[in-house]
Structure formats: C-alpha cells, structure tokens
C-alpha cells in the first residue's frame, strides 16, 4: 500500500482495500478495520492534490548493430517533466558507450525513417515525445486526471509536413501526420519500457489541420474561463493568444485562408462548414473569456481590459462575414414524397388483398 501512496495512485488504494476489508470483517478485527478506514480517508483526502504521473516517449531502433531490436519501437515512461533533450542525451550516451562514438546517431525529426538512406555500419535511434491517446467514446469514462493517466496502451504523436518536402509551410499547404501506437501492455507496468505492437497513421489535410487547431484553441478558452478557482494570469495568456493583435497565423489568418471563399471542390464543403462552426463557437468563447477577465482584473488593469475588448470586437467584426456565409447546397430542404403517397400505396394493397380474398371465397 505504501508504494501506491508514494506513486500518487490514491484511487487504487480503495481497490486493494475492497479485498482486505471483508477479510478483516470476517475476523472481527476492529482495530485493523479502524486503521484501514483511516488510511482510506487519508488517500481520498489527497486525491484533490496536484499530481504528475510521468512523461512518455517513443524510441525507435534502426541498424543491424541492434540485432533483434532493429526496427523495433518502444514506449518509454520517464519521470515527471522529463524533457526530450534529457532522454536523448542519456540514450545517446549509453549506446555510444556500447557501439563507439562515431557509430551511433540520433535521428532528430519524427518523420518516417527510410532505412535505405541510413549507413548500414551505424546504429540509429529516433526519439519522439508522445501523449496518451483516447478515442472520443473513451473520454466519457476517463473524466479525472487519474483516469487519463492510468491503464494506458495507446499513444500519439504528430508530424507536420508539406507536399514539397519541407516540414512547415503556409497554412494552405500545411499537412499533418498523426501516428497512433499501441503497446503490448498498459502503463503503469513493472517495466518502464514496453514494446509497440501496432502502428496506425492518419493524414490530415490543411483544412483538417485548421479545424483541429481551432477546436484546441476553443477548448483552451473554455477550460481557462471555467477554471475553479479562477486563474486570471492563465485566462489572460490564453486570451492574448486568441484575440491579440500580433498573433502570427492566428485565427483571423486561418479564416481568411480557408473561409474567405466557398471551395470549388464539393468534397470540401463539409470541412468548410465544420470550420465555420468552429469559428462560431470560438468567437463565443472569446466573448465569455473577455467578460470573465473583466470580473477578475484589478483597477490597475482596466486599460489592458479595454485593449482586450477592442481586439475582440475587431476580430468579431472581421470574422462575421466569413462565419455567416453558408454553403447553399448544405442547407437545401430535403425533398419528401407527397404525404399521401404512402397511404395510397397502402390503400391499393389492401384493396388488392380484399379482392383476392373475395375471389377465393
């Protein structure tokens, strides 16, 4: 039990005691029952405390020098707030000691590895930061911070790219590759490294990338606005990134690139409309955040609040024509058959049935 408490897994303490308590009750061991319930109370009291459960990285091994590990991928669980340079430096140092200074290289990006371009006499590792991945339906029962960091088998990382080979480009040419990895066991586990057994890849088009980015910004606004207790600094930071006048590739530029004109390709109508609705919710959340900030600021920040409100109003006015423009084909009324057509068919079939019955009689 001590180890669960040390790891911050307070919720699991109850699961263990569910097995222990009936045994103690059967033995009428009231002293231990009292002690057990006290420990349970302490565990539950700690659930509200801030906890951090670890950081995850994908590590891929490439090269004949690795033997059976060649082309194998693993998810590593590292201590809380471990940075990518830290784990890279550690693994690079370890394998350079194994293979030699000039026979070991770290692949710096997260793009798919083309083995034909690697030196067969060298060993390569590729290290990528990953996050736990959940399907939309899973979020219904993974509601708490603990539930989002326990029993983890799927992880995701994203790789930006453009069709001309550069990793980043203009909004209209920015694609994103989503890679989802599944491990053979779930974290937390007795080992801090688990083998990847499945890999899935999805390509997001530029407008889908824009939709995802706007959904993320909207969620950040909602979380900062509804946070309890309120955090004025966090709210202002999110607001500044949303309505600030100097935001590069900000919401207004995204709208001007993807919503300024109705796409010529009907296949993009749905994405266009989805992005339009994303902006509609985004601007509503911005308004809520500005009003919330007004209630949180001190008298010294009134000028800053006025600037925020002015930027918000300007953004809202600039977005209005693009948000209100609908694609006519998506809002055509559904053509229904005449209301009595079904009744006519039914009546005729009944008449036919009645005539057949009368003839047979």
Protein backbone atom coordinates (compact mmCIF):
# COMPACT_ATOMS: atom_id res chain seq x y z
CA UNK A 1 0.00 0.00 0.00
CA UNK A 2 2.91 2.28 0.75
CA UNK A 3 4.06 2.10 -2.89
CA UNK A 4 0.62 3.14 -4.24
CA UNK A 5 0.65 6.17 -1.96
CA UNK A 6 4.22 7.06 -2.94
CA UNK A 7 3.29 6.85 -6.64
CA UNK A 8 0.26 9.09 -6.12
CA UNK A 9 -2.17 6.32 -7.13
CA UNK A 10 -4.59 7.13 -4.32
CA UNK A 11 -7.59 5.80 -6.25
CA UNK A 12 -6.08 2.30 -6.36
CA UNK A 13 -5.81 2.14 -2.56
CA UNK A 14 -9.57 1.66 -2.36
CA UNK A 15 -9.46 -1.20 -4.88
CA UNK A 16 -6.95 -3.09 -2.72
CA UNK A 17 -8.88 -2.47 0.47
CA UNK A 18 -12.07 -3.79 -1.18
CA UNK A 19 -10.37 -7.19 -0.94
CA UNK A 20 -8.86 -6.66 2.51
CA UNK A 21 -11.87 -5.21 4.37
CA UNK A 22 -14.17 -8.29 4.03
CA UNK A 23 -11.37 -10.47 5.46
CA UNK A 24 -10.91 -8.15 8.44
CA UNK A 25 -14.69 -8.05 8.96
CA UNK A 26 -14.88 -11.83 8.95
CA UNK A 27 -12.17 -11.97 11.65
CA UNK A 28 -13.84 -9.17 13.66
CA UNK A 29 -10.52 -7.35 13.68
CA UNK A 30 -11.93 -3.95 14.52
CA UNK A 31 -8.59 -2.40 15.37
CA UNK A 32 -7.23 -3.10 11.88
CA UNK A 33 -10.56 -2.07 10.34
CA UNK A 34 -10.28 1.27 12.10
CA UNK A 35 -6.69 1.71 10.86
CA UNK A 36 -7.70 0.69 7.32
CA UNK A 37 -10.51 3.23 7.13
CA UNK A 38 -8.19 5.93 8.43
CA UNK A 39 -5.72 5.13 5.65
CA UNK A 40 -8.56 5.19 3.12
CA UNK A 41 -9.62 8.61 4.38
CA UNK A 42 -6.07 9.95 4.03
CA UNK A 43 -5.85 8.55 0.50
CA UNK A 44 -9.16 10.14 -0.51
CA UNK A 45 -8.13 13.47 1.07
CA UNK A 46 -5.03 13.51 -1.16
CA UNK A 47 -6.93 12.93 -4.42
CA UNK A 48 -7.51 16.66 -4.85
CA UNK A 49 -3.79 17.41 -4.68
CA UNK A 50 -1.78 18.22 -7.82
CA UNK A 51 -0.14 15.11 -9.25
CA UNK A 52 2.03 14.36 -12.26
CA UNK A 53 2.30 10.76 -13.35
CA UNK A 54 5.09 10.72 -15.89
CA UNK A 55 6.17 11.60 -19.41
CA UNK A 56 6.19 9.24 -22.38
CA UNK A 57 8.50 8.92 -25.38
CA UNK A 58 8.61 6.69 -28.41
CA UNK A 59 12.07 5.26 -29.13
CA UNK A 60 12.79 3.51 -32.45
CA UNK A 61 15.95 1.45 -33.07
CA UNK A 62 17.46 1.14 -36.55
CA UNK A 63 20.56 -0.69 -37.72
CA UNK A 64 21.97 -4.22 -37.73
CA UNK A 65 24.11 -3.38 -34.70
CA UNK A 66 20.97 -3.55 -32.55
CA UNK A 67 20.37 -7.20 -33.50
CA UNK A 68 16.79 -8.21 -32.60
CA UNK A 69 15.97 -4.61 -31.70
CA UNK A 70 16.43 -3.44 -35.30
CA UNK A 71 13.25 -1.64 -36.48
CA UNK A 72 11.63 -2.21 -33.09
CA UNK A 73 9.75 0.61 -31.35
CA UNK A 74 9.15 1.07 -27.63
CA UNK A 75 7.29 3.47 -25.40
CA UNK A 76 9.46 4.70 -22.52
CA UNK A 77 7.93 6.05 -19.34
CA UNK A 78 10.16 8.71 -17.81
CA UNK A 79 9.98 10.67 -14.54
CA UNK A 80 7.68 13.66 -14.40
CA UNK A 81 8.58 16.66 -16.59
CA UNK A 82 11.44 14.87 -18.37
CA UNK A 83 12.39 16.91 -21.44
CA UNK A 84 13.20 15.44 -24.84
CA UNK A 85 16.87 16.60 -24.72
CA UNK A 86 17.31 14.82 -21.37
CA UNK A 87 16.27 11.35 -22.55
CA UNK A 88 18.05 11.91 -25.90
CA UNK A 89 21.32 12.76 -24.15
CA UNK A 90 21.02 9.76 -21.81
CA UNK A 91 20.26 7.17 -24.50
CA UNK A 92 22.78 8.63 -26.92
CA UNK A 93 25.49 8.42 -24.26
CA UNK A 94 24.56 4.86 -23.32
CA UNK A 95 24.61 3.49 -26.88
CA UNK A 96 27.75 5.43 -27.83
CA UNK A 97 29.48 3.65 -24.97
CA UNK A 98 28.18 0.37 -26.44
CA UNK A 99 28.99 0.92 -30.14
CA UNK A 100 31.53 3.72 -30.23
CA UNK A 101 31.46 7.50 -30.58
CA UNK A 102 31.21 7.59 -34.39
CA UNK A 103 28.92 4.60 -34.87
CA UNK A 104 25.87 5.99 -33.11
CA UNK A 105 23.49 8.73 -34.29
CA UNK A 106 20.21 10.20 -33.09
CA UNK A 107 17.61 10.95 -35.79
CA UNK A 108 16.44 14.45 -34.91
CA UNK A 109 12.96 14.51 -36.50
CA UNK A 110 9.85 12.34 -36.16
CA UNK A 111 9.35 11.67 -39.88
CA UNK A 112 9.14 8.04 -41.10
CA UNK A 113 12.62 6.52 -41.32
CA UNK A 114 13.86 5.40 -44.75
CA UNK A 115 16.38 2.63 -43.95
CA UNK A 116 17.86 2.77 -47.45
CA UNK A 117 19.27 6.21 -46.59
CA UNK A 118 20.97 5.04 -43.38
CA UNK A 119 24.58 3.91 -43.07
CA UNK A 120 24.43 0.09 -42.55
CA UNK A 121 27.54 0.28 -40.34
CA UNK A 122 25.91 2.66 -37.87
CA UNK A 123 23.26 2.38 -35.17
CA UNK A 124 20.41 4.93 -35.13
CA UNK A 125 17.77 5.82 -32.57
CA UNK A 126 14.78 8.08 -33.09
CA UNK A 127 13.15 9.63 -30.02
CA UNK A 128 9.75 11.33 -30.12
CA UNK A 129 7.59 12.81 -27.39
CA UNK A 130 4.18 11.08 -27.28
CA UNK A 131 0.93 11.68 -25.42
CA UNK A 132 -1.74 9.22 -24.27
CA UNK A 133 -4.37 8.83 -26.97
CA UNK A 134 -8.08 8.26 -26.36
CA UNK A 135 -10.99 7.73 -28.73
CA UNK A 136 -13.91 10.10 -28.26
CA UNK A 137 -16.04 7.43 -26.57
CA UNK A 138 -13.27 6.75 -24.01
CA UNK A 139 -13.39 10.32 -22.75
CA UNK A 140 -16.86 9.62 -21.34
CA UNK A 141 -15.41 7.41 -18.62
CA UNK A 142 -11.89 8.87 -18.42
CA UNK A 143 -13.01 12.05 -16.73
CA UNK A 144 -10.49 12.61 -13.94
CA UNK A 145 -6.79 13.37 -14.20
CA UNK A 146 -6.01 9.97 -12.71
CA UNK A 147 -8.22 8.12 -15.21
CA UNK A 148 -6.46 9.89 -18.09
CA UNK A 149 -3.08 8.68 -16.80
CA UNK A 150 -3.84 5.10 -15.79
CA UNK A 151 -4.17 1.90 -17.85
CA UNK A 152 -2.56 3.49 -20.91
CA UNK A 153 -1.86 1.42 -24.03
CA UNK A 154 -2.29 3.89 -26.88
CA UNK A 155 -0.07 6.89 -27.57
CA UNK A 156 0.04 9.50 -30.30
CA UNK A 157 2.49 11.89 -31.89
CA UNK A 158 2.07 14.26 -34.82
CA UNK A 159 4.45 15.15 -37.64
CA UNK A 160 3.88 18.32 -39.68
CA UNK A 161 4.82 18.15 -43.35
CA UNK A 162 4.19 19.70 -46.75
CA UNK A 163 3.93 18.04 -50.14
CA UNK A 164 7.15 19.73 -51.31
CA UNK A 165 9.18 18.01 -48.56
CA UNK A 166 9.54 20.86 -46.06
CA UNK A 167 8.22 20.21 -42.55
CA UNK A 168 6.38 23.53 -42.37
CA UNK A 169 4.81 25.87 -44.86
CA UNK A 170 1.90 28.25 -45.37
CA UNK A 171 -1.46 27.40 -43.81
CA UNK A 172 -2.87 26.32 -47.15
CA UNK A 173 -0.12 23.73 -47.66
CA UNK A 174 0.40 22.51 -44.09
CA UNK A 175 -0.42 18.81 -43.66
CA UNK A 176 -0.12 16.75 -40.50
CA UNK A 177 0.55 13.05 -39.99
CA UNK A 178 -0.98 11.51 -36.87
CA UNK A 179 0.69 8.32 -35.68
CA UNK A 180 -1.04 6.16 -33.07
CA UNK A 181 0.98 3.47 -31.30
CA UNK A 182 -0.40 0.56 -29.25
CA UNK A 183 1.76 -1.23 -26.68
CA UNK A 184 1.61 -4.90 -25.68
CA UNK A 185 0.97 -3.99 -22.01
CA UNK A 186 -0.59 -0.99 -20.27
CA UNK A 187 1.19 1.65 -18.20
CA UNK A 188 1.86 1.75 -15.30
CA UNK A 189 3.78 -1.52 -15.63
CA UNK A 190 6.61 -3.32 -13.83
CA UNK A 191 8.93 -2.12 -16.62
CA UNK A 192 9.40 1.44 -17.82
CA UNK A 193 9.77 0.31 -21.45
CA UNK A 194 7.02 -1.53 -23.35
CA UNK A 195 7.09 -2.86 -26.92
CA UNK A 196 4.89 -1.27 -29.59
CA UNK A 197 2.78 -3.94 -31.33
CA UNK A 198 0.59 -1.81 -33.60
CA UNK A 199 1.06 1.39 -35.57
CA UNK A 200 -1.65 3.41 -37.33
CA UNK A 201 -1.21 6.55 -39.42
CA UNK A 202 -3.71 9.21 -40.50
CA UNK A 203 -3.05 12.17 -42.80
CA UNK A 204 -4.84 15.46 -42.06
CA UNK A 205 -5.32 17.87 -44.97
CA UNK A 206 -4.63 21.60 -44.41
CA UNK A 207 -8.28 22.42 -43.67
CA UNK A 208 -8.49 19.47 -41.25
CA UNK A 209 -5.35 20.76 -39.52
CA UNK A 210 -7.05 24.15 -39.21
CA UNK A 211 -10.20 22.56 -37.76
CA UNK A 212 -8.17 20.65 -35.17
CA UNK A 213 -6.20 23.78 -34.20
CA UNK A 214 -9.36 25.86 -33.76
CA UNK A 215 -11.00 23.14 -31.68
CA UNK A 216 -7.92 23.10 -29.46
CA UNK A 217 -7.95 26.89 -29.04
CA UNK A 218 -11.67 26.83 -28.22
CA UNK A 219 -11.17 24.12 -25.60
CA UNK A 220 -8.30 26.07 -24.02
CA UNK A 221 -10.56 29.13 -23.77
CA UNK A 222 -13.39 27.10 -22.20
CA UNK A 223 -11.07 25.48 -19.65
CA UNK A 224 -9.42 28.80 -18.69
CA UNK A 225 -12.81 30.54 -18.40
CA UNK A 226 -14.45 27.88 -16.24
CA UNK A 227 -11.43 27.05 -14.06
CA UNK A 228 -12.12 26.92 -10.35
CA UNK A 229 -10.65 28.73 -8.55
CA UNK A 230 -10.20 31.29 -11.34
CA UNK A 231 -6.67 31.91 -12.60
CA UNK A 232 -6.51 35.42 -14.06
CA UNK A 233 -2.96 35.04 -15.42
CA UNK A 234 -3.80 31.84 -17.29
CA UNK A 235 -7.01 33.34 -18.67
CA UNK A 236 -5.18 36.44 -19.92
CA UNK A 237 -2.44 34.36 -21.51
CA UNK A 238 -5.00 32.27 -23.44
CA UNK A 239 -6.96 35.39 -24.40
CA UNK A 240 -3.84 37.14 -25.66
CA UNK A 241 -3.08 34.15 -27.91
CA UNK A 242 -6.65 34.21 -29.25
CA UNK A 243 -7.57 37.88 -29.77
CA UNK A 244 -4.12 39.51 -29.58
CA UNK A 245 -3.43 41.86 -32.47
CA UNK A 246 0.04 40.43 -33.22
CA UNK A 247 -0.74 36.70 -33.32
CA UNK A 248 1.09 35.09 -36.27
CA UNK A 249 -1.01 32.56 -38.19
CA UNK A 250 -3.74 33.40 -35.71
CA UNK A 251 -7.50 32.79 -36.00
CA UNK A 252 -8.12 35.66 -38.42
CA UNK A 253 -5.46 34.47 -40.87
CA UNK A 254 -6.81 30.90 -40.65
CA UNK A 255 -10.29 32.19 -41.50
CA UNK A 256 -9.01 34.33 -44.38
CA UNK A 257 -7.19 31.35 -45.90
CA UNK A 258 -9.97 28.74 -45.59
CA UNK A 259 -13.26 30.64 -45.25
CA UNK A 260 -12.81 33.70 -47.49
CA UNK A 261 -14.24 31.79 -50.45
CA UNK A 262 -16.50 28.78 -50.84
CA UNK A 263 -14.34 25.90 -52.08
CA UNK A 264 -14.72 24.84 -55.70
CA UNK A 265 -14.49 21.15 -54.78
CA UNK A 266 -17.82 19.91 -53.30
CA UNK A 267 -15.84 17.33 -51.31
CA UNK A 268 -14.54 20.18 -49.15
CA UNK A 269 -18.00 21.58 -48.35
CA UNK A 270 -18.35 19.60 -45.13
CA UNK A 271 -14.89 20.60 -43.88
CA UNK A 272 -15.56 24.23 -44.81
CA UNK A 273 -18.81 24.20 -42.87
CA UNK A 274 -17.25 22.45 -39.88
CA UNK A 275 -14.50 25.08 -39.70
CA UNK A 276 -17.11 27.83 -39.96
CA UNK A 277 -18.97 26.36 -36.98
CA UNK A 278 -15.67 26.02 -35.09
CA UNK A 279 -15.10 29.75 -35.54
CA UNK A 280 -18.64 30.47 -34.42
CA UNK A 281 -18.03 28.68 -31.13
CA UNK A 282 -14.53 30.14 -30.84
CA UNK A 283 -15.73 33.75 -31.03
CA UNK A 284 -18.47 32.98 -28.50
CA UNK A 285 -15.86 31.53 -26.08
CA UNK A 286 -13.68 34.60 -26.62
CA UNK A 287 -16.58 36.82 -25.57
CA UNK A 288 -17.16 34.74 -22.42
CA UNK A 289 -13.45 34.89 -21.59
CA UNK A 290 -13.29 38.69 -22.01
CA UNK A 291 -16.30 39.10 -19.69
CA UNK A 292 -14.77 36.72 -17.13
CA UNK A 293 -11.49 38.62 -17.24
CA UNK A 294 -13.41 41.86 -16.58
CA UNK A 295 -14.61 40.41 -13.26
CA UNK A 296 -11.13 39.21 -12.27
CA UNK A 297 -8.89 42.20 -13.05
CA UNK A 298 -7.68 44.79 -10.58
CA UNK A 299 -8.21 48.52 -11.02
CA UNK A 300 -4.69 48.80 -12.45
CA UNK A 301 -5.58 46.52 -15.39
CA UNK A 302 -8.60 48.42 -16.70
CA UNK A 303 -6.64 49.78 -19.66
CA UNK A 304 -5.47 46.25 -20.52
CA UNK A 305 -9.09 45.03 -20.35
CA UNK A 306 -10.20 47.80 -22.72
CA UNK A 307 -7.48 46.79 -25.17
CA UNK A 308 -8.59 43.14 -24.98
CA UNK A 309 -12.21 44.10 -25.58
CA UNK A 310 -11.24 46.32 -28.53
CA UNK A 311 -9.20 43.49 -30.08
CA UNK A 312 -12.08 41.07 -29.51
CA UNK A 313 -14.62 43.40 -31.16
CA UNK A 314 -12.31 43.94 -34.14
CA UNK A 315 -11.76 40.18 -34.53
CA UNK A 316 -15.50 39.52 -34.27
CA UNK A 317 -16.31 42.09 -36.95
CA UNK A 318 -13.63 40.77 -39.30
CA UNK A 319 -14.84 37.19 -38.85
CA UNK A 320 -18.56 37.97 -39.14
CA UNK A 321 -18.89 37.86 -42.97
CA UNK A 322 -16.99 34.57 -43.17
CA UNK A 323 -18.84 32.95 -40.26
CA UNK A 324 -22.29 33.93 -41.53
CA UNK A 325 -21.67 32.79 -45.12
CA UNK A 326 -23.25 29.36 -45.60
CA UNK A 327 -22.84 26.95 -48.48
CA UNK A 328 -26.33 26.78 -50.08
CA UNK A 329 -26.01 23.12 -51.13
CA UNK A 330 -25.62 22.04 -47.49
CA UNK A 331 -28.85 23.73 -46.44
CA UNK A 332 -31.23 22.67 -49.19
CA UNK A 333 -34.53 21.34 -47.83
CA UNK A 334 -34.85 17.57 -48.02
CA UNK A 335 -37.37 16.65 -50.74
CA UNK A 336 -40.01 14.34 -49.30
CA UNK A 337 -42.59 12.32 -51.22
CA UNK A 338 -46.20 13.59 -51.10
CA UNK A 339 -47.67 12.97 -47.68
CA UNK A 340 -50.48 10.78 -49.04
CA UNK A 341 -48.30 8.70 -51.36
CA UNK A 342 -47.62 6.12 -48.68
CA UNK A 343 -51.32 5.99 -47.81
CA UNK A 344 -52.30 5.45 -51.46
CA UNK A 345 -49.94 2.53 -51.74
CA UNK A 346 -51.28 1.03 -48.57
CA UNK A 347 -54.89 1.51 -49.58
CA UNK A 348 -54.35 -0.03 -53.01
CA UNK A 349 -52.57 -3.02 -51.50
CA UNK A 350 -55.46 -3.53 -49.08
CA UNK A 351 -57.98 -3.36 -51.93
CA UNK A 352 -55.93 -5.91 -53.86
CA UNK A 353 -55.82 -8.17 -50.81
CA UNK A 354 -59.59 -7.82 -50.26
CA UNK A 355 -60.38 -8.65 -53.91
CA UNK A 356 -58.17 -11.75 -53.76
CA UNK A 357 -59.97 -12.91 -50.60
CA UNK A 358 -63.40 -12.40 -52.15
CA UNK A 359 -62.41 -14.36 -55.27
CA UNK A 360 -61.05 -17.27 -53.26
CA UNK A 361 -64.24 -17.44 -51.21
